[in-house]
Amino acid sequence: MTMTRHTTLAASALALLIAAPAVADTAADLEHRVDELTARLAELENNRASGLSFGNGGTIDIYGYVKADFIQDLDADLGTTTFGLANLTPGFTEDENFQAHAFQSRLGVRGTAPSDFGDIGFQIEGDFFGDGGGGFRLRHANATLGNWLVGQSWSNFMQLNAFPTTLDFQGPAGLTFARQTQVRYTHDFAQNLSASFSVEDAVFDSSDPVVTAAVDWANDRFSLRGAVLYGTLDTGSNDVDAWGASIGGTAQLWDGGLISATYTRGEAIAPYFQFGGSGFYDDGGTNDAVETEGASLGITHAINDKWSLGTAYGYRRDDAGVATGTRSLETVHFTVNYAPVENVNVGLEYFTGERELFDGSTADADRIQASVQFNF
């Protein structure tokens, strides 16, 4: 249908050019018509190359990947991701476990079109981690108009620019991670500087929205982001203030190398961290907010256009909790990636993690993961 439309438009434009001398009053008028024709044909060609077309110069792209994971737990079954580390109890019976799944496979549709108020865009994306694994799950569903975004997308509080790359979908402890329904406004300044503000649905139980603000700066080698968050958490018996502050950045210090780092601290924001948490505890009949801090560090090096190495460290600690609650989590990922051809990645990863409880006891686990991913 798109090819037929392009052909019809091109034919109409050619007829206009042929008829132009008969109706043009001046040579300047004819030149103007030729310029319009050239610009229109160039636009049609660009739309055909980039994907499906709609509306007045709009395009639609279908994207995603197919990813198969093969996992060998060496101590305990942690699940489809390493999330099980947060529930691992000291003295567990060690038992090796193998599993394979393709739940991370992803499918998305996005489009853009120009308008008098700025570009209009939309995005719908999902994967198959729903229903405990195998069910389609909504990740993103949002629309944009100029600098505004409405719908479900990454929380504005996240340090998405500084996420280390791991085969494990969970990723290192110490990172914040959330996709929330929101209204966000972004204002671009000069010199690669922008500020964004959002009103979001809270990750934790709350009758109030969460408000966030962030500042982003980047150039060809470095990026830096600072973000803050405020809301209220409903503990079931009372409300407590929830606040957080985070900073993250990346640096390309050598050819093929990338360093990423984040640090986050706040009260009652444990649910925003990888591996989750309640954000409060019962302190003798009064529910108080838990102060949580987390940090991550990632280093990757591209040996050449096919081979790359990476390591990611994560640490997260709560300041209070019951004896059997999680005081801290510490994780390390070591990854080797190989890209035999374009849009294909084969990876091997070793993971080790430790959970410390408030009674001082610990539990640790290791796993090996291999992945094959086809991007489209």
Protein backbone atom coordinates (compact mmCIF):
# COMPACT_ATOMS: atom_id res chain seq x y z
CA MET A 1 0.00 0.00 0.00
CA THR A 2 2.85 2.38 0.80
CA MET A 3 4.63 1.65 -2.50
CA THR A 4 1.41 2.31 -4.47
CA ARG A 5 0.92 5.58 -2.63
CA HIS A 6 4.48 6.66 -3.36
CA THR A 7 4.06 5.83 -7.05
CA THR A 8 0.78 7.75 -7.28
CA LEU A 9 2.23 10.80 -5.58
CA ALA A 10 5.33 10.72 -7.77
CA ALA A 11 3.16 10.49 -10.88
CA SER A 12 1.03 13.39 -9.71
CA ALA A 13 4.10 15.45 -8.96
CA LEU A 14 5.51 14.69 -12.42
CA ALA A 15 2.25 15.80 -14.04
CA LEU A 16 2.42 19.02 -12.03
CA LEU A 17 5.95 19.64 -13.27
CA ILE A 18 4.95 19.04 -16.90
CA ALA A 19 1.99 21.38 -16.60
CA ALA A 20 3.91 24.01 -14.69
CA PRO A 21 5.13 26.06 -17.71
CA ALA A 22 1.55 26.52 -18.89
CA VAL A 23 0.35 27.97 -15.62
CA ALA A 24 3.45 29.62 -14.24
CA ASP A 25 3.38 33.38 -14.50
CA THR A 26 7.11 33.81 -14.16
CA ALA A 27 10.34 31.83 -14.24
CA ALA A 28 10.55 32.28 -10.46
CA ASP A 29 7.18 30.58 -10.05
CA LEU A 30 8.38 27.59 -12.07
CA GLU A 31 11.58 27.36 -10.04
CA HIS A 32 9.56 27.40 -6.83
CA ARG A 33 7.39 24.51 -8.09
CA VAL A 34 10.49 22.47 -8.97
CA ASP A 35 11.93 23.03 -5.48
CA GLU A 36 8.68 21.89 -3.89
CA LEU A 37 8.66 18.74 -6.05
CA THR A 38 12.27 17.91 -5.18
CA ALA A 39 11.63 18.32 -1.45
CA ARG A 40 8.49 16.17 -1.60
CA LEU A 41 10.20 13.35 -3.48
CA ALA A 42 13.09 13.40 -0.98
CA GLU A 43 10.59 13.17 1.90
CA LEU A 44 8.82 10.22 0.29
CA GLU A 45 12.12 8.41 -0.22
CA ASN A 46 13.13 8.96 3.42
CA ASN A 47 9.79 7.65 4.68
CA ARG A 48 10.07 4.54 2.53
CA ALA A 49 13.57 3.81 3.86
CA SER A 50 12.73 4.32 7.55
CA GLY A 51 9.58 2.22 7.84
CA LEU A 52 5.83 2.46 7.39
CA SER A 53 4.43 5.91 6.74
CA PHE A 54 1.25 7.66 7.85
CA GLY A 55 -0.22 11.14 8.00
CA ASN A 56 1.73 14.18 6.97
CA GLY A 57 5.27 12.78 6.82
CA GLY A 58 4.83 10.45 9.82
CA THR A 59 6.67 7.14 10.23
CA ILE A 60 6.06 3.95 12.21
CA ASP A 61 8.80 1.55 13.28
CA ILE A 62 8.47 -1.98 14.63
CA TYR A 63 11.39 -2.95 16.84
CA GLY A 64 12.49 -5.44 19.48
CA TYR A 65 14.50 -8.60 19.89
CA VAL A 66 14.30 -12.32 20.52
CA LYS A 67 16.45 -13.43 23.48
CA ALA A 68 17.00 -16.94 24.77
CA ASP A 69 18.61 -17.41 28.21
CA PHE A 70 20.25 -20.60 29.47
CA ILE A 71 20.85 -20.49 33.23
CA GLN A 72 22.78 -22.78 35.57
CA ASP A 73 22.37 -21.98 39.27
CA LEU A 74 25.30 -23.39 41.23
CA ASP A 75 23.83 -23.12 44.75
CA ALA A 76 20.12 -22.32 44.75
CA ASP A 77 17.33 -21.70 42.26
CA LEU A 78 17.15 -17.89 42.08
CA GLY A 79 14.42 -17.84 39.45
CA THR A 80 14.25 -16.47 35.91
CA THR A 81 16.38 -13.51 37.04
CA THR A 82 18.63 -13.08 40.09
CA PHE A 83 15.72 -11.55 42.05
CA GLY A 84 15.62 -14.66 44.23
CA LEU A 85 18.78 -13.44 46.01
CA ALA A 86 16.60 -11.01 48.02
CA ASN A 87 14.71 -13.97 49.55
CA LEU A 88 17.63 -16.35 50.02
CA THR A 89 17.83 -17.55 53.65
CA PRO A 90 21.01 -18.54 55.53
CA GLY A 91 21.47 -22.28 55.85
CA PHE A 92 19.44 -23.13 52.75
CA THR A 93 19.90 -26.57 51.25
CA GLU A 94 22.22 -26.19 48.29
CA ASP A 95 20.88 -27.57 45.05
CA GLU A 96 22.05 -26.94 41.50
CA ASN A 97 19.36 -26.02 39.00
CA PHE A 98 19.17 -25.52 35.21
CA GLN A 99 16.50 -23.58 33.36
CA ALA A 100 16.04 -21.93 29.98
CA HIS A 101 13.51 -19.34 28.88
CA ALA A 102 12.85 -16.61 26.33
CA PHE A 103 10.74 -14.31 28.54
CA GLN A 104 12.89 -11.22 27.97
CA SER A 105 12.04 -11.22 24.25
CA ARG A 106 10.59 -7.82 23.42
CA LEU A 107 8.25 -6.28 20.85
CA GLY A 108 7.52 -2.60 20.38
CA VAL A 109 5.90 -0.13 17.99
CA ARG A 110 6.73 3.58 17.87
CA GLY A 111 5.89 6.42 15.55
CA THR A 112 6.44 10.12 15.00
CA ALA A 113 4.80 12.81 12.90
CA PRO A 114 5.29 16.59 12.63
CA SER A 115 2.64 19.04 13.82
CA ASP A 116 2.21 22.76 14.40
CA PHE A 117 2.92 22.19 18.11
CA GLY A 118 6.05 20.05 17.69
CA ASP A 119 6.59 16.41 16.84
CA ILE A 120 3.86 13.96 17.84
CA GLY A 121 5.05 10.52 18.93
CA PHE A 122 3.84 7.31 20.52
CA GLN A 123 5.34 4.09 21.88
CA ILE A 124 3.84 0.73 22.87
CA GLU A 125 6.21 -1.98 24.09
CA GLY A 126 6.01 -5.24 25.98
CA ASP A 127 7.90 -8.39 26.93
CA PHE A 128 6.95 -11.83 28.25
CA PHE A 129 7.77 -11.62 31.95
CA GLY A 130 4.06 -11.30 32.79
CA ASP A 131 2.16 -13.91 34.85
CA GLY A 132 5.39 -15.13 36.43
CA GLY A 133 6.90 -15.73 32.98
CA GLY A 134 5.36 -16.47 29.60
CA GLY A 135 2.57 -13.87 29.64
CA PHE A 136 2.79 -10.68 27.62
CA ARG A 137 3.51 -7.69 29.90
CA LEU A 138 3.15 -4.00 29.12
CA ARG A 139 6.42 -2.07 29.54
CA HIS A 140 5.77 1.24 27.79
CA ALA A 141 2.60 2.92 26.55
CA ASN A 142 3.05 6.65 26.08
CA ALA A 143 2.52 9.57 23.74
CA THR A 144 4.62 12.70 23.26
CA LEU A 145 3.89 16.16 21.93
CA GLY A 146 6.87 18.45 21.70
CA ASN A 147 8.50 18.44 25.15
CA TRP A 148 5.59 16.68 26.89
CA LEU A 149 5.21 12.96 27.62
CA VAL A 150 2.03 11.31 28.92
CA GLY A 151 1.66 7.62 29.75
CA GLN A 152 3.76 4.78 31.10
CA SER A 153 7.52 5.16 30.71
CA TRP A 154 10.74 5.10 32.72
CA SER A 155 10.47 6.98 35.99
CA ASN A 156 12.15 10.37 35.78
CA PHE A 157 14.00 9.42 38.99
CA MET A 158 15.99 6.64 37.29
CA GLN A 159 19.64 6.83 36.24
CA LEU A 160 18.94 5.11 32.94
CA ASN A 161 21.97 6.70 31.25
CA ALA A 162 24.34 4.93 33.67
CA PHE A 163 22.87 1.40 33.70
CA PRO A 164 25.63 -1.24 33.39
CA THR A 165 24.96 -3.86 30.73
CA THR A 166 24.31 -7.40 32.00
CA LEU A 167 22.79 -10.53 30.50
CA ASP A 168 20.81 -10.96 33.70
CA PHE A 169 17.60 -8.95 33.35
CA GLN A 170 17.62 -8.00 37.05
CA GLY A 171 20.96 -6.21 36.92
CA PRO A 172 23.13 -5.12 39.85
CA ALA A 173 21.86 -4.12 43.28
CA GLY A 174 22.00 -0.41 44.04
CA LEU A 175 20.15 0.74 40.91
CA THR A 176 16.72 2.36 40.88
CA PHE A 177 14.27 0.85 38.41
CA ALA A 178 10.62 1.72 37.71
CA ARG A 179 8.23 2.26 34.80
CA GLN A 180 5.32 4.43 35.93
CA THR A 181 2.35 6.26 34.41
CA GLN A 182 3.21 9.95 34.46
CA VAL A 183 3.07 13.41 32.96
CA ARG A 184 6.56 14.74 32.21
CA TYR A 185 7.88 17.98 30.78
CA THR A 186 11.45 18.35 29.47
CA HIS A 187 13.10 21.67 28.69
CA ASP A 188 16.22 21.72 26.53
CA PHE A 189 18.92 24.28 27.17
CA ALA A 190 22.11 25.03 25.22
CA GLN A 191 25.31 22.97 25.49
CA ASN A 192 23.58 19.55 25.77
CA LEU A 193 21.80 20.52 29.00
CA SER A 194 18.17 19.72 29.85
CA ALA A 195 15.84 19.66 32.83
CA SER A 196 12.77 17.47 33.33
CA PHE A 197 9.88 17.46 35.78
CA SER A 198 7.22 14.80 36.30
CA VAL A 199 4.15 13.87 38.30
CA GLU A 200 4.05 10.07 38.55
CA ASP A 201 2.07 7.21 40.03
CA ALA A 202 4.03 5.98 43.06
CA VAL A 203 5.71 2.57 43.03
CA PHE A 204 4.69 2.05 46.69
CA ASP A 205 1.24 2.27 48.28
CA SER A 206 0.21 5.91 48.38
CA SER A 207 -2.87 8.07 47.96
CA ASP A 208 -0.67 10.87 46.60
CA PRO A 209 1.38 11.21 43.41
CA VAL A 210 5.16 11.31 43.38
CA VAL A 211 6.89 14.41 41.99
CA THR A 212 10.37 14.31 40.49
CA ALA A 213 12.90 16.65 38.94
CA ALA A 214 16.10 15.89 37.06
CA VAL A 215 18.94 17.65 35.25
CA ASP A 216 20.88 16.01 32.39
CA TRP A 217 24.14 17.04 30.76
CA ALA A 218 26.16 15.16 28.14
CA ASN A 219 28.80 15.57 25.47
CA ASP A 220 30.63 13.12 23.21
CA ARG A 221 32.58 11.48 26.08
CA PHE A 222 30.79 12.21 29.34
CA SER A 223 27.28 12.32 30.77
CA LEU A 224 25.94 13.38 34.15
CA ARG A 225 22.46 13.23 35.67
CA GLY A 226 21.02 14.34 38.98
CA ALA A 227 17.47 13.51 40.12
CA VAL A 228 15.25 14.03 43.18
CA LEU A 229 11.93 12.52 44.22
CA TYR A 230 9.27 13.28 46.84
CA GLY A 231 6.05 11.54 47.85
CA THR A 232 4.26 9.87 50.76
CA LEU A 233 4.18 6.15 51.57
CA ASP A 234 1.14 4.56 53.21
CA THR A 235 2.44 2.02 55.75
CA GLY A 236 -1.04 0.74 56.60
CA SER A 237 -1.21 2.53 59.94
CA ASN A 238 0.29 5.92 59.05
CA ASP A 239 1.88 7.90 56.22
CA VAL A 240 5.60 8.68 56.09
CA ASP A 241 7.49 11.08 53.86
CA ALA A 242 9.33 9.44 50.97
CA TRP A 243 12.26 11.29 49.43
CA GLY A 244 15.28 10.40 47.36
CA ALA A 245 18.27 11.96 45.65
CA SER A 246 20.39 10.31 43.00
CA ILE A 247 23.38 11.05 40.80
CA GLY A 248 24.80 9.05 37.92
CA GLY A 249 27.13 9.41 35.00
CA THR A 250 29.29 7.81 32.33
CA ALA A 251 32.80 8.45 31.07
CA GLN A 252 34.63 7.22 27.97
CA LEU A 253 38.21 7.47 29.25
CA TRP A 254 39.86 5.32 26.60
CA ASP A 255 39.13 3.98 23.14
CA GLY A 256 36.45 1.29 23.42
CA GLY A 257 36.02 1.77 27.16
CA LEU A 258 33.06 3.03 29.18
CA ILE A 259 32.71 3.57 32.93
CA SER A 260 29.28 4.10 34.50
CA ALA A 261 28.44 4.86 38.13
CA THR A 262 25.40 5.74 40.25
CA TYR A 263 24.67 6.65 43.87
CA THR A 264 21.18 6.95 45.40
CA ARG A 265 19.99 7.71 48.92
CA GLY A 266 16.63 8.38 50.48
CA GLU A 267 13.89 7.35 52.92
CA ALA A 268 10.95 5.03 52.18
CA ILE A 269 12.15 4.54 48.58
CA ALA A 270 13.31 0.91 48.85
CA PRO A 271 10.58 -0.17 46.36
CA TYR A 272 12.33 1.95 43.71
CA PHE A 273 15.54 -0.10 44.01
CA GLN A 274 16.39 -3.31 42.21
CA PHE A 275 15.33 -6.28 44.40
CA GLY A 276 12.58 -4.16 45.99
CA GLY A 277 11.71 -3.74 49.66
CA SER A 278 8.89 -2.34 51.79
CA GLY A 279 10.45 1.05 52.63
CA PHE A 280 9.25 0.92 56.28
CA TYR A 281 9.37 -1.27 59.38
CA ASP A 282 7.44 -1.70 62.64
CA ASP A 283 9.43 0.03 65.39
CA GLY A 284 7.51 -1.14 68.43
CA GLY A 285 4.04 -0.31 67.16
CA THR A 286 4.98 2.71 65.00
CA ASN A 287 5.79 2.27 61.34
CA ASP A 288 8.90 4.25 60.51
CA ALA A 289 10.56 4.97 57.16
CA VAL A 290 13.68 2.99 56.24
CA GLU A 291 16.68 4.90 54.94
CA THR A 292 18.18 3.17 51.90
CA GLU A 293 21.33 3.86 49.94
CA GLY A 294 22.68 2.14 46.88
CA ALA A 295 25.56 2.39 44.45
CA SER A 296 26.62 0.75 41.20
CA LEU A 297 29.76 0.70 39.09
CA GLY A 298 30.11 -0.72 35.59
CA ILE A 299 33.12 -1.03 33.32
CA THR A 300 32.96 -2.25 29.72
CA HIS A 301 35.66 -2.55 27.08
CA ALA A 302 35.13 -3.27 23.39
CA ILE A 303 38.14 -5.30 22.24
CA ASN A 304 37.05 -4.93 18.62
CA ASP A 305 33.79 -4.74 16.66
CA LYS A 306 32.88 -8.31 17.69
CA TRP A 307 34.19 -8.92 21.23
CA SER A 308 33.56 -6.96 24.43
CA LEU A 309 34.08 -7.49 28.15
CA GLY A 310 32.14 -6.06 31.07
CA THR A 311 31.83 -6.12 34.83
CA ALA A 312 29.11 -4.60 37.02
CA TYR A 313 29.11 -4.15 40.79
CA GLY A 314 26.08 -3.24 42.89
CA TYR A 315 25.55 -2.51 46.58
CA ARG A 316 22.40 -1.61 48.49
CA ARG A 317 21.89 -1.16 52.26
CA ASP A 318 18.90 -0.44 54.54
CA ASP A 319 19.44 1.25 57.93
CA ALA A 320 16.71 -0.57 59.90
CA GLY A 321 14.49 -3.64 59.78
CA VAL A 322 13.44 -6.81 61.55
CA ALA A 323 16.04 -9.47 62.36
CA THR A 324 15.11 -11.58 59.33
CA GLY A 325 14.96 -8.57 57.00
CA THR A 326 17.57 -7.62 54.43
CA ARG A 327 20.28 -5.31 55.73
CA SER A 328 22.35 -5.32 52.54
CA LEU A 329 22.70 -6.87 49.11
CA GLU A 330 25.93 -7.07 47.11
CA THR A 331 26.20 -8.34 43.53
CA VAL A 332 28.89 -8.77 40.88
CA HIS A 333 28.44 -9.64 37.18
CA PHE A 334 31.26 -10.61 34.80
CA THR A 335 30.23 -10.67 31.13
CA VAL A 336 31.72 -11.62 27.76
CA ASN A 337 29.82 -10.66 24.59
CA TYR A 338 30.41 -11.76 21.01
CA ALA A 339 28.64 -10.30 17.96
CA PRO A 340 29.23 -12.71 15.05
CA VAL A 341 27.10 -10.65 12.65
CA GLU A 342 25.14 -7.43 12.81
CA ASN A 343 22.11 -7.49 15.16
CA VAL A 344 23.15 -10.77 16.81
CA ASN A 345 24.79 -11.08 20.23
CA VAL A 346 26.02 -14.18 22.05
CA GLY A 347 26.98 -13.71 25.69
CA LEU A 348 28.31 -15.59 28.72
CA GLU A 349 28.02 -14.23 32.27
CA TYR A 350 29.06 -15.23 35.77
CA PHE A 351 27.09 -13.84 38.71
CA THR A 352 27.77 -13.90 42.44
CA GLY A 353 25.67 -12.25 45.11
CA GLU A 354 25.33 -12.03 48.88
CA ARG A 355 22.43 -11.16 51.16
CA GLU A 356 23.08 -9.98 54.73
CA LEU A 357 20.28 -10.04 57.30
CA PHE A 358 19.86 -7.71 60.30
CA ASP A 359 20.72 -10.57 62.66
CA GLY A 360 24.19 -10.66 61.06
CA SER A 361 23.78 -13.92 59.13
CA THR A 362 24.47 -14.11 55.38
CA ALA A 363 23.52 -16.17 52.35
CA ASP A 364 25.25 -16.19 48.96
CA ALA A 365 24.69 -17.75 45.57
CA ASP A 366 26.37 -18.05 42.17
CA ARG A 367 25.06 -18.67 38.67
CA ILE A 368 26.25 -18.94 35.08
CA GLN A 369 24.11 -17.56 32.26
CA ALA A 370 24.44 -17.82 28.50
CA SER A 371 22.28 -15.77 26.14
CA VAL A 372 21.62 -15.46 22.42
CA GLN A 373 19.86 -12.33 21.19
CA PHE A 374 18.55 -11.36 17.72
CA ASN A 375 17.67 -7.67 17.36
CA PHE A 376 15.28 -6.25 14.77
